[in-house]
């Protein structure tokens, strides 16, 4: 079967349309919990939560990935953790490839145009660009002359 998602850690389950938006249901290929608390204790299953994440548009149609994430509860401290999704930027609720695409679009086009092309809000483009610029500028080392002569 062809991998329609083309994401390493997610598998295609089904798809349907909702108000002109394509909803693609997916599941994790190898679910494991994110260890945020007591790593010495085991995690117990604690139900599932359906979450939606933004992805690239297909033929001009908005696409959302719908994933039923497994919840875990720590047996040591009682904290709740979700299964890890390496292909997803959970802070921005979008796939990492879509975030990288938006970074490239923000460099190529003005923020308002990049937002309009991709069907997102301009402030999202600005925030993604700012994060990307800070990351790139951290590595940049400015070499200035010791003495600058002016005529």
N, C-alpha and C. Protein backbone atom coordinates (compact mmCIF):
# COMPACT_ATOMS: atom_id res chain seq x y z
N UNK A 1 0.83 -1.18 0.00
CA UNK A 1 0.00 0.00 0.00
C UNK A 1 0.88 1.25 0.00
N UNK A 2 0.49 2.25 -0.73
CA UNK A 2 1.23 3.49 -0.83
C UNK A 2 1.07 4.31 0.44
N UNK A 3 2.17 4.87 0.91
CA UNK A 3 2.14 5.72 2.10
C UNK A 3 1.73 7.12 1.68
N UNK A 4 0.47 7.47 1.87
CA UNK A 4 -0.05 8.76 1.45
C UNK A 4 0.45 9.92 2.30
N UNK A 5 0.75 9.67 3.56
CA UNK A 5 1.19 10.74 4.45
C UNK A 5 2.65 11.13 4.22
N UNK A 6 3.46 10.16 3.90
CA UNK A 6 4.90 10.35 3.74
C UNK A 6 5.55 10.92 4.99
N UNK A 7 5.09 10.44 6.12
CA UNK A 7 5.67 10.78 7.41
C UNK A 7 6.20 9.49 8.03
N UNK A 8 7.42 9.53 8.52
CA UNK A 8 8.12 8.34 8.98
C UNK A 8 7.42 7.61 10.13
N UNK A 9 6.85 8.37 11.07
CA UNK A 9 6.32 7.77 12.29
C UNK A 9 4.79 7.70 12.35
N UNK A 10 4.10 8.11 11.26
CA UNK A 10 2.64 8.08 11.24
C UNK A 10 2.14 7.24 10.08
N UNK A 11 1.06 6.54 10.32
CA UNK A 11 0.44 5.70 9.30
C UNK A 11 -0.96 6.21 8.97
N UNK A 12 -1.31 6.18 7.71
CA UNK A 12 -2.63 6.60 7.23
C UNK A 12 -3.68 5.59 7.67
N UNK A 13 -4.82 6.09 8.18
CA UNK A 13 -5.92 5.22 8.58
C UNK A 13 -7.12 5.45 7.67
N UNK A 14 -7.57 6.69 7.57
CA UNK A 14 -8.76 7.01 6.77
C UNK A 14 -8.76 8.51 6.51
N UNK A 15 -9.66 8.95 5.63
CA UNK A 15 -9.80 10.40 5.40
C UNK A 15 -11.26 10.71 5.09
N UNK A 16 -11.65 11.94 5.40
CA UNK A 16 -12.99 12.42 5.08
C UNK A 16 -12.94 13.94 4.95
N UNK A 17 -13.99 14.49 4.39
CA UNK A 17 -14.05 15.93 4.20
C UNK A 17 -15.02 16.55 5.18
N UNK A 18 -14.63 17.72 5.71
CA UNK A 18 -15.46 18.42 6.70
C UNK A 18 -15.40 19.91 6.39
N UNK A 19 -16.49 20.47 5.92
CA UNK A 19 -16.58 21.90 5.60
C UNK A 19 -15.48 22.36 4.64
N UNK A 20 -15.21 21.59 3.60
CA UNK A 20 -14.20 21.95 2.61
C UNK A 20 -12.78 21.69 3.04
N UNK A 21 -12.59 21.07 4.19
CA UNK A 21 -11.27 20.75 4.71
C UNK A 21 -11.09 19.24 4.70
N UNK A 22 -9.93 18.79 4.26
CA UNK A 22 -9.63 17.36 4.25
C UNK A 22 -9.08 16.96 5.61
N UNK A 23 -9.75 16.02 6.26
CA UNK A 23 -9.31 15.49 7.56
C UNK A 23 -8.72 14.11 7.30
N UNK A 24 -7.45 13.95 7.62
CA UNK A 24 -6.76 12.67 7.43
C UNK A 24 -6.54 12.06 8.80
N UNK A 25 -7.14 10.90 9.02
CA UNK A 25 -6.94 10.20 10.28
C UNK A 25 -5.66 9.39 10.18
N UNK A 26 -4.84 9.49 11.22
CA UNK A 26 -3.56 8.80 11.24
C UNK A 26 -3.32 8.21 12.61
N UNK A 27 -2.39 7.28 12.66
CA UNK A 27 -2.01 6.69 13.95
C UNK A 27 -0.50 6.53 13.99
N UNK A 28 0.03 6.49 15.18
CA UNK A 28 1.47 6.36 15.37
C UNK A 28 1.89 4.94 15.04
N UNK A 29 3.01 4.79 14.32
CA UNK A 29 3.51 3.46 13.97
C UNK A 29 4.17 2.78 15.16
N UNK A 30 4.79 3.56 16.03
CA UNK A 30 5.48 3.01 17.19
C UNK A 30 5.24 3.88 18.42
N UNK A 31 4.05 3.73 19.05
CA UNK A 31 3.73 4.60 20.19
C UNK A 31 4.58 4.30 21.43
N UNK A 32 5.12 5.35 21.99
CA UNK A 32 5.83 5.25 23.26
C UNK A 32 5.66 6.57 23.99
N UNK A 33 5.63 6.55 25.32
CA UNK A 33 5.34 7.78 26.07
C UNK A 33 6.51 8.76 26.09
N UNK A 34 6.18 10.03 26.23
CA UNK A 34 7.18 11.06 26.43
C UNK A 34 7.52 11.04 27.91
N UNK A 35 8.79 10.90 28.25
CA UNK A 35 9.19 10.86 29.67
C UNK A 35 9.45 12.27 30.15
N UNK A 36 8.49 12.84 30.88
CA UNK A 36 8.64 14.19 31.40
C UNK A 36 8.82 14.21 32.91
N UNK A 37 8.60 13.07 33.54
CA UNK A 37 8.67 13.07 35.01
C UNK A 37 9.56 11.92 35.47
N UNK A 38 9.07 11.10 36.33
CA UNK A 38 9.81 10.00 36.94
C UNK A 38 10.13 8.93 35.90
N UNK A 39 11.35 8.89 35.44
CA UNK A 39 11.71 7.89 34.43
C UNK A 39 11.92 6.51 35.03
N UNK A 40 12.02 6.44 36.34
CA UNK A 40 12.24 5.14 37.00
C UNK A 40 10.96 4.33 37.09
N UNK A 41 9.82 5.02 37.12
CA UNK A 41 8.55 4.31 37.27
C UNK A 41 7.95 4.01 35.91
N UNK A 42 7.09 3.02 35.88
CA UNK A 42 6.44 2.66 34.62
C UNK A 42 5.23 3.56 34.38
N UNK A 43 4.77 3.55 33.16
CA UNK A 43 3.60 4.35 32.77
C UNK A 43 2.45 3.39 32.50
N UNK A 44 1.25 3.78 32.92
CA UNK A 44 0.05 2.99 32.66
C UNK A 44 -0.81 3.70 31.64
N UNK A 45 -1.55 2.94 30.84
CA UNK A 45 -2.43 3.54 29.84
C UNK A 45 -3.53 4.33 30.53
N UNK A 46 -3.92 5.46 29.90
CA UNK A 46 -4.91 6.32 30.52
C UNK A 46 -5.86 6.89 29.46
N UNK A 47 -6.30 6.05 28.52
CA UNK A 47 -7.24 6.49 27.49
C UNK A 47 -6.56 7.17 26.33
N UNK A 48 -7.39 7.65 25.39
CA UNK A 48 -6.89 8.33 24.20
C UNK A 48 -7.56 9.69 24.06
N UNK A 49 -6.85 10.61 23.42
CA UNK A 49 -7.40 11.93 23.16
C UNK A 49 -7.19 12.24 21.69
N UNK A 50 -8.27 12.64 21.01
CA UNK A 50 -8.18 12.99 19.59
C UNK A 50 -7.68 14.42 19.46
N UNK A 51 -6.61 14.58 18.67
CA UNK A 51 -6.02 15.90 18.46
C UNK A 51 -5.85 16.12 16.97
N UNK A 52 -5.95 17.40 16.56
CA UNK A 52 -5.77 17.75 15.15
C UNK A 52 -4.52 18.61 14.98
N UNK A 53 -3.79 18.32 13.89
CA UNK A 53 -2.57 19.04 13.57
C UNK A 53 -2.61 19.45 12.10
N UNK A 54 -2.15 20.66 11.83
CA UNK A 54 -2.17 21.22 10.49
C UNK A 54 -1.08 20.59 9.63
N UNK A 55 -1.37 20.40 8.33
CA UNK A 55 -0.39 19.87 7.39
C UNK A 55 -0.49 20.64 6.07
N UNK A 56 0.38 20.31 5.13
CA UNK A 56 0.37 20.94 3.80
C UNK A 56 -1.00 20.86 3.16
N UNK A 57 -1.34 21.87 2.38
CA UNK A 57 -2.57 21.83 1.60
C UNK A 57 -2.37 20.89 0.42
N UNK A 58 -3.43 20.20 0.05
CA UNK A 58 -3.40 19.31 -1.12
C UNK A 58 -4.35 19.88 -2.15
N UNK A 59 -3.81 20.27 -3.31
CA UNK A 59 -4.59 20.86 -4.39
C UNK A 59 -5.43 22.03 -3.89
N UNK A 60 -4.83 22.88 -3.07
CA UNK A 60 -5.51 24.07 -2.57
C UNK A 60 -6.50 23.82 -1.45
N UNK A 61 -6.61 22.59 -1.00
CA UNK A 61 -7.55 22.25 0.07
C UNK A 61 -6.79 22.09 1.38
N UNK A 62 -7.27 22.74 2.45
CA UNK A 62 -6.63 22.64 3.76
C UNK A 62 -6.65 21.19 4.25
N UNK A 63 -5.57 20.80 4.92
CA UNK A 63 -5.45 19.44 5.42
C UNK A 63 -5.13 19.47 6.91
N UNK A 64 -5.87 18.70 7.67
CA UNK A 64 -5.61 18.51 9.09
C UNK A 64 -5.40 17.02 9.35
N UNK A 65 -4.39 16.69 10.14
CA UNK A 65 -4.19 15.32 10.58
C UNK A 65 -4.92 15.13 11.89
N UNK A 66 -5.72 14.08 11.98
CA UNK A 66 -6.46 13.77 13.20
C UNK A 66 -5.83 12.52 13.80
N UNK A 67 -5.25 12.67 14.97
CA UNK A 67 -4.52 11.58 15.60
C UNK A 67 -5.11 11.33 16.98
N UNK A 68 -5.43 10.07 17.25
CA UNK A 68 -5.88 9.69 18.59
C UNK A 68 -4.63 9.34 19.39
N UNK A 69 -4.19 10.31 20.21
CA UNK A 69 -2.96 10.12 20.99
C UNK A 69 -3.24 9.36 22.27
N UNK A 70 -2.39 8.38 22.52
CA UNK A 70 -2.48 7.60 23.75
C UNK A 70 -1.99 8.44 24.92
N UNK A 71 -2.77 8.43 26.00
CA UNK A 71 -2.35 9.11 27.23
C UNK A 71 -1.79 8.07 28.18
N UNK A 72 -0.81 8.49 28.95
CA UNK A 72 -0.20 7.63 29.95
C UNK A 72 -0.21 8.37 31.28
N UNK A 73 -0.28 7.61 32.36
CA UNK A 73 -0.19 8.20 33.69
C UNK A 73 1.01 7.54 34.38
N UNK A 74 1.83 8.36 35.02
CA UNK A 74 3.02 7.88 35.70
C UNK A 74 2.60 7.19 37.00
N UNK A 75 3.09 6.00 37.21
CA UNK A 75 2.76 5.26 38.43
C UNK A 75 3.44 5.86 39.66
N UNK A 76 4.50 6.62 39.45
CA UNK A 76 5.24 7.22 40.57
C UNK A 76 4.62 8.50 41.09
N UNK A 77 4.37 9.46 40.17
CA UNK A 77 3.91 10.78 40.63
C UNK A 77 2.49 11.12 40.15
N UNK A 78 1.92 10.31 39.28
CA UNK A 78 0.55 10.55 38.81
C UNK A 78 0.44 11.55 37.68
N UNK A 79 1.56 12.01 37.12
CA UNK A 79 1.53 12.98 36.02
C UNK A 79 1.06 12.31 34.73
N UNK A 80 0.37 13.08 33.89
CA UNK A 80 -0.12 12.57 32.62
C UNK A 80 0.86 12.94 31.52
N UNK A 81 1.13 11.99 30.63
CA UNK A 81 2.00 12.23 29.48
C UNK A 81 1.32 11.64 28.25
N UNK A 82 1.65 12.18 27.11
CA UNK A 82 1.10 11.69 25.84
C UNK A 82 2.16 10.89 25.10
N UNK A 83 1.71 10.10 24.13
CA UNK A 83 2.67 9.38 23.31
C UNK A 83 3.46 10.38 22.47
N UNK A 84 4.70 10.04 22.18
CA UNK A 84 5.58 10.92 21.41
C UNK A 84 5.17 10.90 19.94
N UNK A 85 5.20 12.08 19.33
CA UNK A 85 4.93 12.21 17.90
C UNK A 85 6.11 12.96 17.27
N UNK A 86 7.14 12.24 16.84
CA UNK A 86 8.34 12.90 16.32
C UNK A 86 8.11 13.73 15.05
N UNK A 87 7.09 13.44 14.27
CA UNK A 87 6.82 14.18 13.04
C UNK A 87 6.00 15.45 13.27
N UNK A 88 5.56 15.66 14.50
CA UNK A 88 4.64 16.76 14.80
C UNK A 88 5.30 17.79 15.70
N UNK A 89 5.07 19.08 15.39
CA UNK A 89 5.46 20.17 16.26
C UNK A 89 4.24 20.43 17.15
N UNK A 90 4.23 19.83 18.34
CA UNK A 90 3.05 19.90 19.22
C UNK A 90 2.82 21.30 19.77
N UNK A 91 3.87 22.11 19.85
CA UNK A 91 3.71 23.48 20.35
C UNK A 91 2.89 24.32 19.36
N UNK A 92 3.11 24.14 18.09
CA UNK A 92 2.40 24.89 17.05
C UNK A 92 1.20 24.12 16.47
N UNK A 93 1.04 22.87 16.89
CA UNK A 93 -0.05 22.01 16.40
C UNK A 93 -0.03 21.89 14.88
N UNK A 94 1.15 21.53 14.35
CA UNK A 94 1.32 21.32 12.92
C UNK A 94 2.46 20.33 12.71
N UNK A 95 2.53 19.79 11.51
CA UNK A 95 3.63 18.88 11.21
C UNK A 95 4.91 19.69 11.09
N UNK A 96 6.03 19.04 11.36
CA UNK A 96 7.32 19.72 11.27
C UNK A 96 7.61 20.12 9.83
N UNK A 97 7.19 19.32 8.87
CA UNK A 97 7.44 19.67 7.47
C UNK A 97 6.65 20.91 7.06
N UNK A 98 5.45 21.09 7.62
CA UNK A 98 4.67 22.29 7.32
C UNK A 98 5.31 23.52 7.96
N UNK A 99 5.84 23.35 9.17
CA UNK A 99 6.54 24.46 9.82
C UNK A 99 7.77 24.87 9.01
N UNK A 100 8.53 23.89 8.53
CA UNK A 100 9.71 24.19 7.71
C UNK A 100 9.31 24.84 6.40
N UNK A 101 8.19 24.42 5.83
CA UNK A 101 7.68 25.04 4.61
C UNK A 101 7.32 26.51 4.87
N UNK A 102 6.68 26.77 5.99
CA UNK A 102 6.33 28.15 6.34
C UNK A 102 7.58 29.00 6.58
N UNK A 103 8.63 28.42 7.12
CA UNK A 103 9.89 29.14 7.30
C UNK A 103 10.45 29.57 5.94
N UNK A 104 10.45 28.65 4.98
CA UNK A 104 10.94 28.98 3.64
C UNK A 104 10.06 30.02 2.97
N UNK A 105 8.74 29.91 3.13
CA UNK A 105 7.81 30.86 2.54
C UNK A 105 7.99 32.25 3.15
N UNK A 106 8.28 32.32 4.44
CA UNK A 106 8.45 33.61 5.12
C UNK A 106 9.70 34.33 4.62
N UNK A 107 10.69 33.57 4.19
CA UNK A 107 11.90 34.17 3.63
C UNK A 107 11.66 34.63 2.20
N UNK A 108 10.89 33.84 1.47
CA UNK A 108 10.67 34.11 0.05
C UNK A 108 9.68 35.24 -0.21
N UNK A 109 8.63 35.33 0.59
CA UNK A 109 7.53 36.28 0.36
C UNK A 109 7.33 37.18 1.58
N UNK A 110 6.63 38.30 1.39
CA UNK A 110 6.21 39.09 2.57
C UNK A 110 5.29 38.23 3.46
N UNK A 111 5.28 38.53 4.75
CA UNK A 111 4.53 37.72 5.70
C UNK A 111 3.05 37.61 5.34
N UNK A 112 2.44 38.71 4.93
CA UNK A 112 1.01 38.68 4.60
C UNK A 112 0.74 37.78 3.40
N UNK A 113 1.62 37.83 2.40
CA UNK A 113 1.44 36.99 1.22
C UNK A 113 1.67 35.52 1.55
N UNK A 114 2.70 35.22 2.34
CA UNK A 114 2.98 33.84 2.74
C UNK A 114 1.81 33.27 3.54
N UNK A 115 1.22 34.10 4.38
CA UNK A 115 0.07 33.66 5.18
C UNK A 115 -1.13 33.39 4.28
N UNK A 116 -1.36 34.24 3.33
CA UNK A 116 -2.50 34.06 2.42
C UNK A 116 -2.34 32.82 1.54
N UNK A 117 -1.13 32.59 1.05
CA UNK A 117 -0.86 31.43 0.20
C UNK A 117 -1.11 30.13 0.96
N UNK A 118 -0.70 30.09 2.23
CA UNK A 118 -0.78 28.86 3.01
C UNK A 118 -2.02 28.75 3.89
N UNK A 119 -2.87 29.76 3.89
CA UNK A 119 -4.12 29.69 4.64
C UNK A 119 -3.94 29.74 6.14
N UNK A 120 -2.93 30.48 6.60
CA UNK A 120 -2.70 30.64 8.03
C UNK A 120 -2.71 32.13 8.36
N UNK A 121 -2.64 32.45 9.63
CA UNK A 121 -2.64 33.84 10.06
C UNK A 121 -1.23 34.42 9.96
N UNK A 122 -1.15 35.70 9.69
CA UNK A 122 0.13 36.38 9.51
C UNK A 122 1.01 36.30 10.76
N UNK A 123 0.40 36.37 11.94
CA UNK A 123 1.20 36.32 13.17
C UNK A 123 1.90 34.97 13.34
N UNK A 124 1.28 33.90 12.84
CA UNK A 124 1.93 32.58 12.89
C UNK A 124 3.19 32.60 12.03
N UNK A 125 3.10 33.19 10.85
CA UNK A 125 4.26 33.29 9.96
C UNK A 125 5.36 34.10 10.64
N UNK A 126 4.98 35.21 11.26
CA UNK A 126 5.95 36.06 11.95
C UNK A 126 6.66 35.30 13.08
N UNK A 127 5.90 34.59 13.87
CA UNK A 127 6.49 33.85 15.01
C UNK A 127 7.43 32.75 14.53
N UNK A 128 7.01 32.02 13.51
CA UNK A 128 7.85 30.96 12.97
C UNK A 128 9.13 31.54 12.39
N UNK A 129 9.00 32.65 11.67
CA UNK A 129 10.18 33.30 11.10
C UNK A 129 11.11 33.81 12.20
N UNK A 130 10.57 34.43 13.24
CA UNK A 130 11.39 34.94 14.34
C UNK A 130 12.17 33.82 15.01
N UNK A 131 11.52 32.67 15.27
CA UNK A 131 12.21 31.53 15.87
C UNK A 131 13.33 31.04 14.96
N UNK A 132 13.04 30.95 13.67
CA UNK A 132 14.02 30.48 12.70
C UNK A 132 15.20 31.46 12.63
N UNK A 133 14.91 32.76 12.58
CA UNK A 133 15.96 33.77 12.49
C UNK A 133 16.85 33.75 13.75
N UNK A 134 16.27 33.60 14.91
CA UNK A 134 17.06 33.53 16.15
C UNK A 134 17.97 32.31 16.14
N UNK A 135 17.45 31.18 15.67
CA UNK A 135 18.23 29.95 15.60
C UNK A 135 19.41 30.12 14.64
N UNK A 136 19.18 30.74 13.49
CA UNK A 136 20.23 30.94 12.49
C UNK A 136 21.25 31.97 12.98
N UNK A 137 20.77 33.05 13.57
CA UNK A 137 21.67 34.13 14.01
C UNK A 137 22.53 33.72 15.20
N UNK A 138 22.11 32.74 15.98
CA UNK A 138 22.94 32.25 17.08
C UNK A 138 24.25 31.67 16.56
N UNK A 139 24.18 31.04 15.39
CA UNK A 139 25.37 30.42 14.80
C UNK A 139 26.24 31.44 14.06
N UNK A 140 25.68 32.58 13.74
CA UNK A 140 26.39 33.58 12.94
C UNK A 140 27.37 34.36 13.80
N UNK A 141 28.62 34.41 13.36
CA UNK A 141 29.66 35.12 14.09
C UNK A 141 30.08 36.33 13.26
N UNK A 142 29.87 37.53 13.76
CA UNK A 142 30.21 38.75 13.06
C UNK A 142 31.70 39.03 13.26
N UNK A 143 32.42 39.18 12.15
CA UNK A 143 33.85 39.49 12.22
C UNK A 143 34.01 40.96 11.83
N UNK A 144 34.43 41.75 12.78
CA UNK A 144 34.62 43.18 12.54
C UNK A 144 36.10 43.54 12.65
N UNK A 145 36.54 44.53 11.88
CA UNK A 145 37.94 44.94 12.02
C UNK A 145 38.17 45.63 13.36
N UNK A 146 39.41 45.54 13.85
CA UNK A 146 39.75 46.16 15.12
C UNK A 146 39.73 47.67 15.00
N UNK A 147 40.17 48.17 13.86
CA UNK A 147 40.21 49.62 13.63
C UNK A 147 39.49 49.89 12.33
N UNK A 148 38.63 50.92 12.35
CA UNK A 148 37.89 51.32 11.17
C UNK A 148 38.28 52.74 10.82
N UNK A 149 38.88 52.93 9.64
CA UNK A 149 39.30 54.26 9.22
C UNK A 149 38.28 54.89 8.31
N UNK A 150 38.00 56.16 8.51
CA UNK A 150 37.03 56.87 7.67
C UNK A 150 37.70 58.12 7.10
N UNK A 151 37.48 58.38 5.85
CA UNK A 151 38.02 59.58 5.21
C UNK A 151 36.93 60.61 5.05
